[in-house]
Amino acid sequence: MLVYLRLLKESLSFAINALRNNKLRTLLSLLGVTIGIFSIIAVLAAVDSLDRKISKDLSSLDKNTIYLMKYCFGPSEIPQWKREQFPNVKYDEYISLKNSLTNTDQVAYQFFVNKETIKYDSKTVSDVNIVPASNEIVEIEGLNVDNGRFYTESESNSGTAVIVLGYDIAEGLFGGSEPVGKSIRLYGQRFTVIGVIAKQGAGFFGDSNDTSVYIPTNFLRRMYGDNDAMTPVIVLKPVKGVDMDAYKAQVAQKLRAIRGMKAGEMDNFFINVLSGFTDFIDGILGQMNVVGWVISGFSLLVGGFGIANIMFVSVKERTNLIGIQKSLGAKNRFILFQFLFEAVILSVIGGIIGLLLVWGISLALTQLLDFEFVLSLGNILLGTGISAIIGLISGILPAISAANLDPVEAIRTGM
């Protein structure tokens, strides 16, 4: 054991001397490994960070949540011109489904509308994400009202002019003062603030609850009716453990019956399940991983050739020393391991440089973009392991050639 530890120490010393004595040659040789490890780990770290952010943003939502509307979240075989003829879901359909569906926890009615400006006295906040929704949305989205309360079923049904603010909106309008009970202006109307949602942080999909406000759907219906400029959606949250295929079939059957559709007639609505959307995102992230590995593979291949080249040069430069070591009784495996260790150490140095670059860029991007890029321990170990394997593979042939040298010929060659 002590022999191999001494061997490792000597190999490290040789590797460091090679770096010092041949700085430019070593730098160019390690550049491929550095770029390859940087590319792989940067892609993996970015994908891991995106995956964590998506999971965090969707953690309050049940993955079985259904968005029933005229649009599809993902690709569809139905032509676009046909989809554009689909009718919007109606408030009456929401009421009918709410009263007739089984195995359902919550059903909400919501509009997708344009961003608006909110005013309080002389203060104004622009580009506010407006979420007109019935009161059930607080349970479906798992909203945490930190100050005050959410609007009730009675307020939702009557379309009372009440509003629940996101954290950033409340800070922008009121600063450190108490917002609950104050009146603000939206859509040219006065709304009474009844609650503030707890701070969430930046969302991967754009707006988070911090930059959103919630108002009763029926307030807008009372003002504008069922205007086509507002895209309605029925949000359904089934009970836990339900058979999703059977539940979707029940939803489709109920809505078809409400609309009086005939047997064999194509559905004129889409049942978008949140898990399907997350699977779609996971597929994109998986493709990013594959592309990253392919691109990085070429860099690692070049880096491997670079390591092999520098090791062959190292064997040639130290032929005389190898001959002396073997003449003094050094076994072939001692010479073999010496050069293998050196190749691995050189490659790992390149990998560590690549990891340090990823770490530094991750810190910078986290500060600049307010998005947490994570370089996990698993990715660090993976990067180190890959670089070690590249060094091992690249150093095999030079190490074998060094171990098989004839000591007399090696000494004579070096003289």
Protein backbone atom coordinates (compact mmCIF):
# COMPACT_ATOMS: atom_id res chain seq x y z
CA MET A 1 0.00 0.00 0.00
CA LEU A 2 2.83 2.37 0.91
CA VAL A 3 4.49 1.63 -2.42
CA TYR A 4 1.40 2.74 -4.34
CA LEU A 5 1.02 5.84 -2.19
CA ARG A 6 4.64 6.73 -2.96
CA LEU A 7 3.93 5.99 -6.62
CA LEU A 8 0.94 8.34 -6.54
CA LYS A 9 3.06 11.03 -4.89
CA GLU A 10 5.81 10.66 -7.51
CA SER A 11 3.28 10.71 -10.34
CA LEU A 12 1.74 13.89 -8.97
CA SER A 13 5.20 15.41 -8.77
CA PHE A 14 5.92 14.43 -12.39
CA ALA A 15 2.56 15.87 -13.53
CA ILE A 16 3.20 19.18 -11.75
CA ASN A 17 6.71 19.35 -13.23
CA ALA A 18 5.24 18.72 -16.68
CA LEU A 19 2.83 21.60 -16.12
CA ARG A 20 5.64 23.90 -14.99
CA ASN A 21 8.19 22.97 -17.64
CA ASN A 22 5.82 22.82 -20.62
CA LYS A 23 3.11 25.32 -19.75
CA LEU A 24 1.89 26.10 -23.27
CA ARG A 25 1.95 22.48 -24.45
CA THR A 26 0.14 21.27 -21.32
CA LEU A 27 -2.42 24.08 -21.51
CA LEU A 28 -3.29 23.23 -25.12
CA SER A 29 -3.48 19.53 -24.26
CA LEU A 30 -5.81 20.09 -21.29
CA LEU A 31 -7.97 22.62 -23.13
CA GLY A 32 -10.07 19.92 -24.79
CA VAL A 33 -10.78 18.16 -21.48
CA THR A 34 -11.55 21.49 -19.80
CA ILE A 35 -14.00 22.55 -22.52
CA GLY A 36 -15.61 19.09 -22.63
CA ILE A 37 -16.15 18.87 -18.87
CA PHE A 38 -17.31 22.50 -18.81
CA SER A 39 -19.86 21.81 -21.57
CA ILE A 40 -21.25 18.64 -20.01
CA ILE A 41 -21.47 19.94 -16.44
CA ALA A 42 -22.79 23.35 -17.56
CA VAL A 43 -25.64 21.67 -19.46
CA LEU A 44 -26.37 19.24 -16.60
CA ALA A 45 -26.29 22.05 -14.02
CA ALA A 46 -28.60 24.22 -16.16
CA VAL A 47 -31.05 21.35 -16.67
CA ASP A 48 -30.97 20.45 -12.96
CA SER A 49 -31.56 24.09 -12.04
CA LEU A 50 -34.48 24.38 -14.46
CA ASP A 51 -35.94 21.11 -13.20
CA ARG A 52 -35.71 22.29 -9.58
CA LYS A 53 -37.28 25.63 -10.47
CA ILE A 54 -40.15 23.99 -12.36
CA SER A 55 -40.75 21.54 -9.51
CA LYS A 56 -40.75 24.42 -7.01
CA ASP A 57 -43.15 26.51 -9.11
CA LEU A 58 -45.54 23.58 -9.55
CA SER A 59 -45.16 22.17 -6.05
CA SER A 60 -48.42 23.75 -4.87
CA LEU A 61 -50.34 22.27 -7.81
CA ASP A 62 -51.55 18.70 -8.09
CA LYS A 63 -50.06 17.18 -11.25
CA ASN A 64 -53.49 15.74 -12.02
CA THR A 65 -54.99 19.23 -12.25
CA ILE A 66 -56.98 19.61 -15.49
CA TYR A 67 -57.35 22.75 -17.59
CA LEU A 68 -60.49 22.42 -19.72
CA MET A 69 -60.53 24.93 -22.58
CA LYS A 70 -60.58 25.43 -26.36
CA TYR A 71 -56.78 25.43 -26.62
CA CYS A 72 -54.23 22.64 -26.25
CA PHE A 73 -51.11 22.99 -24.09
CA GLY A 74 -48.98 20.86 -26.42
CA PRO A 75 -48.92 19.68 -30.04
CA SER A 76 -52.23 18.53 -31.51
CA GLU A 77 -53.21 16.47 -34.56
CA ILE A 78 -56.24 18.70 -35.07
CA PRO A 79 -55.56 21.43 -37.68
CA GLN A 80 -55.28 24.98 -36.37
CA TRP A 81 -58.18 26.24 -38.52
CA LYS A 82 -60.38 23.60 -36.92
CA ARG A 83 -59.24 24.45 -33.38
CA GLU A 84 -59.96 28.14 -33.94
CA GLN A 85 -63.62 27.21 -34.50
CA PHE A 86 -63.92 25.58 -31.07
CA PRO A 87 -66.20 27.49 -28.66
CA ASN A 88 -64.95 28.85 -25.36
CA VAL A 89 -65.98 27.08 -22.18
CA LYS A 90 -68.90 28.90 -20.51
CA TYR A 91 -69.68 29.83 -16.93
CA ASP A 92 -72.86 27.73 -17.10
CA GLU A 93 -70.75 24.73 -18.12
CA TYR A 94 -68.54 25.34 -15.09
CA ILE A 95 -71.59 25.32 -12.82
CA SER A 96 -72.97 22.15 -14.45
CA LEU A 97 -69.67 20.30 -14.16
CA LYS A 98 -69.23 21.47 -10.57
CA ASN A 99 -72.64 20.04 -9.65
CA SER A 100 -72.44 16.78 -11.63
CA LEU A 101 -68.85 15.51 -11.59
CA THR A 102 -67.84 12.82 -9.11
CA ASN A 103 -64.36 12.18 -7.67
CA THR A 104 -63.70 15.92 -7.85
CA ASP A 105 -62.07 17.98 -5.12
CA GLN A 106 -62.43 21.48 -6.59
CA VAL A 107 -63.68 23.13 -9.80
CA ALA A 108 -62.83 26.75 -10.63
CA TYR A 109 -63.63 29.16 -13.46
CA GLN A 110 -60.84 31.46 -14.60
CA PHE A 111 -60.06 34.01 -17.34
CA PHE A 112 -56.73 34.57 -19.07
CA VAL A 113 -56.58 38.33 -19.67
CA ASN A 114 -54.06 41.02 -20.61
CA LYS A 115 -51.81 42.69 -18.06
CA GLU A 116 -53.08 45.92 -16.54
CA THR A 117 -51.97 48.92 -14.46
CA ILE A 118 -53.01 49.30 -10.82
CA LYS A 119 -53.12 52.64 -8.99
CA TYR A 120 -53.24 53.67 -5.36
CA ASP A 121 -53.26 57.42 -4.75
CA SER A 122 -50.17 58.69 -6.60
CA LYS A 123 -48.48 55.28 -6.86
CA THR A 124 -48.77 53.11 -9.95
CA VAL A 125 -47.67 49.56 -10.76
CA SER A 126 -47.65 48.49 -14.42
CA ASP A 127 -47.65 45.12 -16.18
CA VAL A 128 -49.62 43.44 -13.41
CA ASN A 129 -50.76 39.88 -14.11
CA ILE A 130 -54.52 39.85 -13.50
CA VAL A 131 -56.06 36.53 -12.47
CA PRO A 132 -59.87 36.67 -12.56
CA ALA A 133 -60.90 33.39 -10.94
CA SER A 134 -63.65 31.91 -8.81
CA ASN A 135 -62.92 31.34 -5.13
CA GLU A 136 -61.94 27.67 -5.57
CA ILE A 137 -58.66 28.72 -7.16
CA VAL A 138 -57.15 29.34 -3.72
CA GLU A 139 -57.41 25.60 -2.97
CA ILE A 140 -56.41 24.40 -6.44
CA GLU A 141 -53.24 26.51 -6.61
CA GLY A 142 -52.47 26.13 -2.89
CA LEU A 143 -52.25 29.90 -2.38
CA ASN A 144 -50.94 31.01 1.00
CA VAL A 145 -52.56 34.28 2.05
CA ASP A 146 -50.06 35.82 4.44
CA ASN A 147 -52.07 38.92 5.39
CA GLY A 148 -55.86 39.16 5.38
CA ARG A 149 -57.95 36.55 3.54
CA PHE A 150 -59.09 35.30 0.13
CA TYR A 151 -62.54 36.17 -1.20
CA THR A 152 -65.44 33.91 -0.25
CA GLU A 153 -67.84 31.93 -2.44
CA SER A 154 -70.51 34.58 -1.90
CA GLU A 155 -68.14 37.38 -2.98
CA SER A 156 -67.04 35.28 -5.96
CA ASN A 157 -70.58 34.53 -7.14
CA SER A 158 -71.76 38.13 -6.77
CA GLY A 159 -68.63 39.59 -8.39
CA THR A 160 -67.79 41.83 -5.44
CA ALA A 161 -65.06 44.41 -6.11
CA VAL A 162 -62.47 42.83 -3.83
CA ILE A 163 -58.86 42.03 -4.67
CA VAL A 164 -56.02 39.88 -3.29
CA LEU A 165 -52.54 41.23 -4.06
CA GLY A 166 -49.27 39.46 -4.76
CA TYR A 167 -46.38 40.33 -2.46
CA ASP A 168 -44.48 42.54 -4.95
CA ILE A 169 -47.64 44.40 -5.97
CA ALA A 170 -48.46 45.15 -2.32
CA GLU A 171 -44.90 46.38 -1.73
CA GLY A 172 -44.99 48.56 -4.83
CA LEU A 173 -48.27 50.22 -3.91
CA PHE A 174 -48.10 50.44 -0.13
CA GLY A 175 -44.46 49.94 0.88
CA GLY A 176 -44.40 49.17 4.58
CA SER A 177 -47.96 50.38 5.32
CA GLU A 178 -50.95 48.11 5.86
CA PRO A 179 -52.68 47.31 2.52
CA VAL A 180 -55.75 45.42 3.81
CA GLY A 181 -58.85 47.64 3.75
CA LYS A 182 -57.37 50.17 1.30
CA SER A 183 -58.98 50.96 -2.06
CA ILE A 184 -57.09 50.70 -5.35
CA ARG A 185 -58.11 51.35 -8.96
CA LEU A 186 -58.21 48.68 -11.66
CA TYR A 187 -60.24 48.63 -14.90
CA GLY A 188 -61.38 52.12 -13.95
CA GLN A 189 -63.10 50.71 -10.85
CA ARG A 190 -62.33 50.76 -7.14
CA PHE A 191 -61.37 47.48 -5.47
CA THR A 192 -60.99 46.86 -1.76
CA VAL A 193 -57.82 45.00 -0.79
CA ILE A 194 -58.75 42.04 1.42
CA GLY A 195 -55.52 40.02 1.41
CA VAL A 196 -51.85 39.68 0.40
CA ILE A 197 -50.31 36.42 -0.82
CA ALA A 198 -47.08 35.23 0.82
CA LYS A 199 -43.86 35.89 -1.12
CA GLN A 200 -43.10 33.18 -3.67
CA GLY A 201 -40.07 34.35 -5.64
CA ALA A 202 -39.46 34.55 -9.38
CA GLY A 203 -41.30 31.94 -11.44
CA PHE A 204 -39.81 29.91 -14.29
CA PHE A 205 -42.89 30.41 -16.45
CA GLY A 206 -42.78 34.19 -16.21
CA ASP A 207 -45.15 35.78 -13.72
CA SER A 208 -45.33 34.40 -10.21
CA ASN A 209 -47.89 35.06 -7.51
CA ASP A 210 -45.71 37.96 -6.36
CA THR A 211 -46.60 39.97 -9.48
CA SER A 212 -50.22 38.78 -9.74
CA VAL A 213 -53.54 39.90 -8.30
CA TYR A 214 -56.71 37.84 -7.91
CA ILE A 215 -60.24 39.16 -8.44
CA PRO A 216 -63.61 37.38 -8.74
CA THR A 217 -64.36 36.17 -12.27
CA ASN A 218 -67.92 37.44 -12.07
CA PHE A 219 -66.73 41.01 -11.59
CA LEU A 220 -65.40 41.00 -15.16
CA ARG A 221 -68.42 39.05 -16.41
CA ARG A 222 -70.66 41.69 -14.87
CA MET A 223 -68.65 44.46 -16.60
CA TYR A 224 -67.93 42.93 -20.00
CA GLY A 225 -70.02 39.79 -20.26
CA ASP A 226 -68.42 36.69 -21.79
CA ASN A 227 -66.15 38.73 -24.04
CA ASP A 228 -64.04 36.83 -26.60
CA ALA A 229 -61.05 38.99 -25.64
CA MET A 230 -60.93 37.03 -22.38
CA THR A 231 -59.95 33.36 -22.66
CA PRO A 232 -61.91 31.27 -20.15
CA VAL A 233 -60.75 27.98 -18.66
CA ILE A 234 -62.38 25.51 -16.28
CA VAL A 235 -59.81 24.21 -13.78
CA LEU A 236 -60.54 20.83 -12.19
CA LYS A 237 -58.74 19.17 -9.33
CA PRO A 238 -59.70 15.49 -8.95
CA VAL A 239 -59.49 13.66 -5.65
CA LYS A 240 -56.24 11.88 -4.88
CA GLY A 241 -55.82 8.36 -6.21
CA VAL A 242 -58.45 8.71 -8.94
CA ASP A 243 -58.09 6.78 -12.20
CA MET A 244 -57.16 9.68 -14.51
CA ASP A 245 -58.21 7.95 -17.72
CA ALA A 246 -61.65 7.23 -16.29
CA TYR A 247 -61.88 10.74 -14.85
CA LYS A 248 -60.99 12.41 -18.16
CA ALA A 249 -63.56 10.22 -19.89
CA GLN A 250 -66.16 11.36 -17.35
CA VAL A 251 -65.28 15.03 -17.90
CA ALA A 252 -65.48 14.63 -21.68
CA GLN A 253 -68.80 12.76 -21.47
CA LYS A 254 -70.34 15.39 -19.16
CA LEU A 255 -69.24 18.35 -21.30
CA ARG A 256 -70.36 16.64 -24.51
CA ALA A 257 -73.75 16.05 -22.93
CA ILE A 258 -73.98 19.69 -21.78
CA ARG A 259 -73.18 20.86 -25.33
CA GLY A 260 -75.57 18.36 -26.91
CA MET A 261 -72.89 16.77 -29.07
CA LYS A 262 -73.77 13.67 -31.11
CA ALA A 263 -72.02 10.30 -30.93
CA GLY A 264 -69.04 10.17 -33.26
CA GLU A 265 -68.74 13.93 -33.34
CA MET A 266 -65.20 15.18 -32.58
CA ASP A 267 -64.61 16.86 -29.21
CA ASN A 268 -64.52 20.65 -29.57
CA PHE A 269 -62.47 21.16 -26.40
CA PHE A 270 -59.17 20.02 -24.91
CA ILE A 271 -58.59 18.29 -21.59
CA ASN A 272 -55.10 19.49 -20.63
CA VAL A 273 -53.61 17.56 -17.71
CA LEU A 274 -50.78 19.34 -15.87
CA SER A 275 -48.75 16.12 -15.71
CA GLY A 276 -48.80 15.99 -19.51
CA PHE A 277 -47.38 19.50 -19.61
CA THR A 278 -44.64 18.62 -17.11
CA ASP A 279 -43.83 15.47 -19.12
CA PHE A 280 -43.52 17.68 -22.21
CA ILE A 281 -41.09 19.97 -20.34
CA ASP A 282 -39.15 16.94 -19.06
CA GLY A 283 -38.84 15.73 -22.65
CA ILE A 284 -37.36 19.07 -23.73
CA LEU A 285 -34.91 19.00 -20.81
CA GLY A 286 -33.95 15.44 -21.72
CA GLN A 287 -33.24 16.51 -25.30
CA MET A 288 -31.08 19.35 -23.97
CA ASN A 289 -29.11 16.78 -21.99
CA VAL A 290 -28.57 14.61 -25.06
CA VAL A 291 -27.44 17.56 -27.20
CA GLY A 292 -25.08 18.66 -24.43
CA TRP A 293 -23.52 15.19 -24.20
CA VAL A 294 -23.07 14.94 -27.99
CA ILE A 295 -21.44 18.36 -28.30
CA SER A 296 -19.28 17.78 -25.24
CA GLY A 297 -18.28 14.33 -26.50
CA PHE A 298 -16.37 15.88 -29.40
CA SER A 299 -14.50 18.17 -27.01
CA LEU A 300 -13.66 15.24 -24.76
CA LEU A 301 -12.46 13.23 -27.79
CA VAL A 302 -10.11 16.06 -28.75
CA GLY A 303 -9.04 16.38 -25.11
CA GLY A 304 -8.32 12.65 -24.97
CA PHE A 305 -6.07 12.88 -28.01
CA GLY A 306 -4.34 15.85 -26.39
CA ILE A 307 -3.65 13.89 -23.21
CA ALA A 308 -2.40 10.90 -25.22
CA ASN A 309 -0.11 13.17 -27.20
CA ILE A 310 1.44 14.78 -24.15
CA MET A 311 1.95 11.36 -22.55
CA PHE A 312 3.73 9.98 -25.63
CA VAL A 313 5.97 13.06 -25.57
CA SER A 314 6.55 12.53 -21.84
CA VAL A 315 7.54 8.88 -22.44
CA LYS A 316 10.02 9.93 -25.13
CA GLU A 317 11.53 12.66 -22.93
CA ARG A 318 11.96 10.28 -19.97
CA THR A 319 13.15 7.19 -21.87
CA ASN A 320 16.56 7.34 -20.20
CA LEU A 321 14.97 7.65 -16.74
CA ILE A 322 12.67 4.70 -17.46
CA GLY A 323 15.67 2.61 -18.47
CA ILE A 324 17.49 3.49 -15.24
CA GLN A 325 14.40 2.68 -13.13
CA LYS A 326 13.99 -0.71 -14.82
CA SER A 327 17.70 -1.51 -14.51
CA LEU A 328 17.41 -0.83 -10.76
CA GLY A 329 14.59 -3.39 -10.50
CA ALA A 330 11.43 -1.40 -11.20
CA LYS A 331 8.75 -3.77 -12.48
CA ASN A 332 6.67 -3.17 -15.59
CA ARG A 333 3.52 -2.51 -13.58
CA PHE A 334 5.37 0.18 -11.58
CA ILE A 335 6.22 2.03 -14.82
CA LEU A 336 2.71 1.40 -16.18
CA PHE A 337 0.98 2.79 -13.10
CA GLN A 338 3.37 5.74 -12.98
CA PHE A 339 2.32 6.97 -16.42
CA LEU A 340 -1.34 6.04 -15.94
CA PHE A 341 -1.46 8.06 -12.71
CA GLU A 342 0.19 10.97 -14.48
CA ALA A 343 -2.36 10.87 -17.34
CA VAL A 344 -5.29 10.69 -14.91
CA ILE A 345 -3.91 13.53 -12.77
CA LEU A 346 -3.38 15.77 -15.81
CA SER A 347 -6.88 15.01 -17.09
CA VAL A 348 -8.47 15.59 -13.68
CA ILE A 349 -6.70 18.95 -13.46
CA GLY A 350 -8.38 19.89 -16.75
CA GLY A 351 -11.73 18.66 -15.41
CA ILE A 352 -11.36 20.64 -12.19
CA ILE A 353 -10.66 23.79 -14.20
CA GLY A 354 -13.85 23.14 -16.17
CA LEU A 355 -15.83 22.63 -12.94
CA LEU A 356 -14.42 25.85 -11.47
CA LEU A 357 -15.54 27.72 -14.59
CA VAL A 358 -19.06 26.29 -14.25
CA TRP A 359 -19.12 27.20 -10.55
CA GLY A 360 -17.99 30.77 -11.20
CA ILE A 361 -20.47 31.32 -14.02
CA SER A 362 -23.25 29.79 -11.90
CA LEU A 363 -22.58 32.26 -9.09
CA ALA A 364 -22.51 35.19 -11.54
CA LEU A 365 -25.74 34.18 -13.29
CA THR A 366 -27.50 33.58 -9.97
CA GLN A 367 -26.68 37.16 -8.94
CA LEU A 368 -27.50 38.75 -12.30
CA LEU A 369 -30.69 36.87 -13.24
CA ASP A 370 -32.24 36.24 -9.81
CA PHE A 371 -32.35 32.56 -10.81
CA GLU A 372 -30.64 29.94 -8.69
CA PHE A 373 -28.17 27.91 -10.77
CA VAL A 374 -27.14 24.85 -8.78
CA LEU A 375 -23.90 22.91 -9.24
CA SER A 376 -24.78 19.76 -7.34
CA LEU A 377 -22.34 17.37 -5.65
CA GLY A 378 -23.50 14.67 -8.07
CA ASN A 379 -22.48 16.77 -11.08
CA ILE A 380 -19.12 17.60 -9.47
CA LEU A 381 -18.40 13.91 -8.89
CA LEU A 382 -19.60 13.08 -12.41
CA GLY A 383 -17.33 15.69 -13.97
CA THR A 384 -14.34 14.50 -11.94
CA GLY A 385 -15.09 10.87 -12.77
CA ILE A 386 -15.42 11.55 -16.52
CA SER A 387 -12.15 13.46 -16.62
CA ALA A 388 -10.42 10.63 -14.72
CA ILE A 389 -11.78 8.05 -17.19
CA ILE A 390 -10.65 10.17 -20.15
CA GLY A 391 -7.17 10.38 -18.62
CA LEU A 392 -7.12 6.64 -17.97
CA ILE A 393 -8.14 5.75 -21.53
CA SER A 394 -5.79 8.30 -23.06
CA GLY A 395 -2.83 7.17 -20.97
CA ILE A 396 -3.14 3.40 -21.56
CA LEU A 397 -1.16 3.18 -24.80
CA PRO A 398 1.66 5.55 -23.72
CA ALA A 399 1.90 3.74 -20.36
CA ILE A 400 2.08 0.31 -22.05
CA SER A 401 4.75 1.54 -24.45
CA ALA A 402 6.77 2.88 -21.49
CA ALA A 403 6.37 -0.33 -19.45
CA ASN A 404 7.52 -2.50 -22.37
CA LEU A 405 10.74 -0.57 -23.03
CA ASP A 406 13.94 -2.61 -22.88
CA PRO A 407 16.09 -1.06 -20.11
CA VAL A 408 19.37 -1.30 -22.09
CA GLU A 409 17.84 0.20 -25.23
CA ALA A 410 16.07 2.87 -23.15
CA ILE A 411 19.35 3.96 -21.47
CA ARG A 412 21.21 3.89 -24.78
CA THR A 413 18.46 5.93 -26.48
CA GLY A 414 18.57 8.57 -23.78
CA MET A 415 22.37 9.01 -23.96
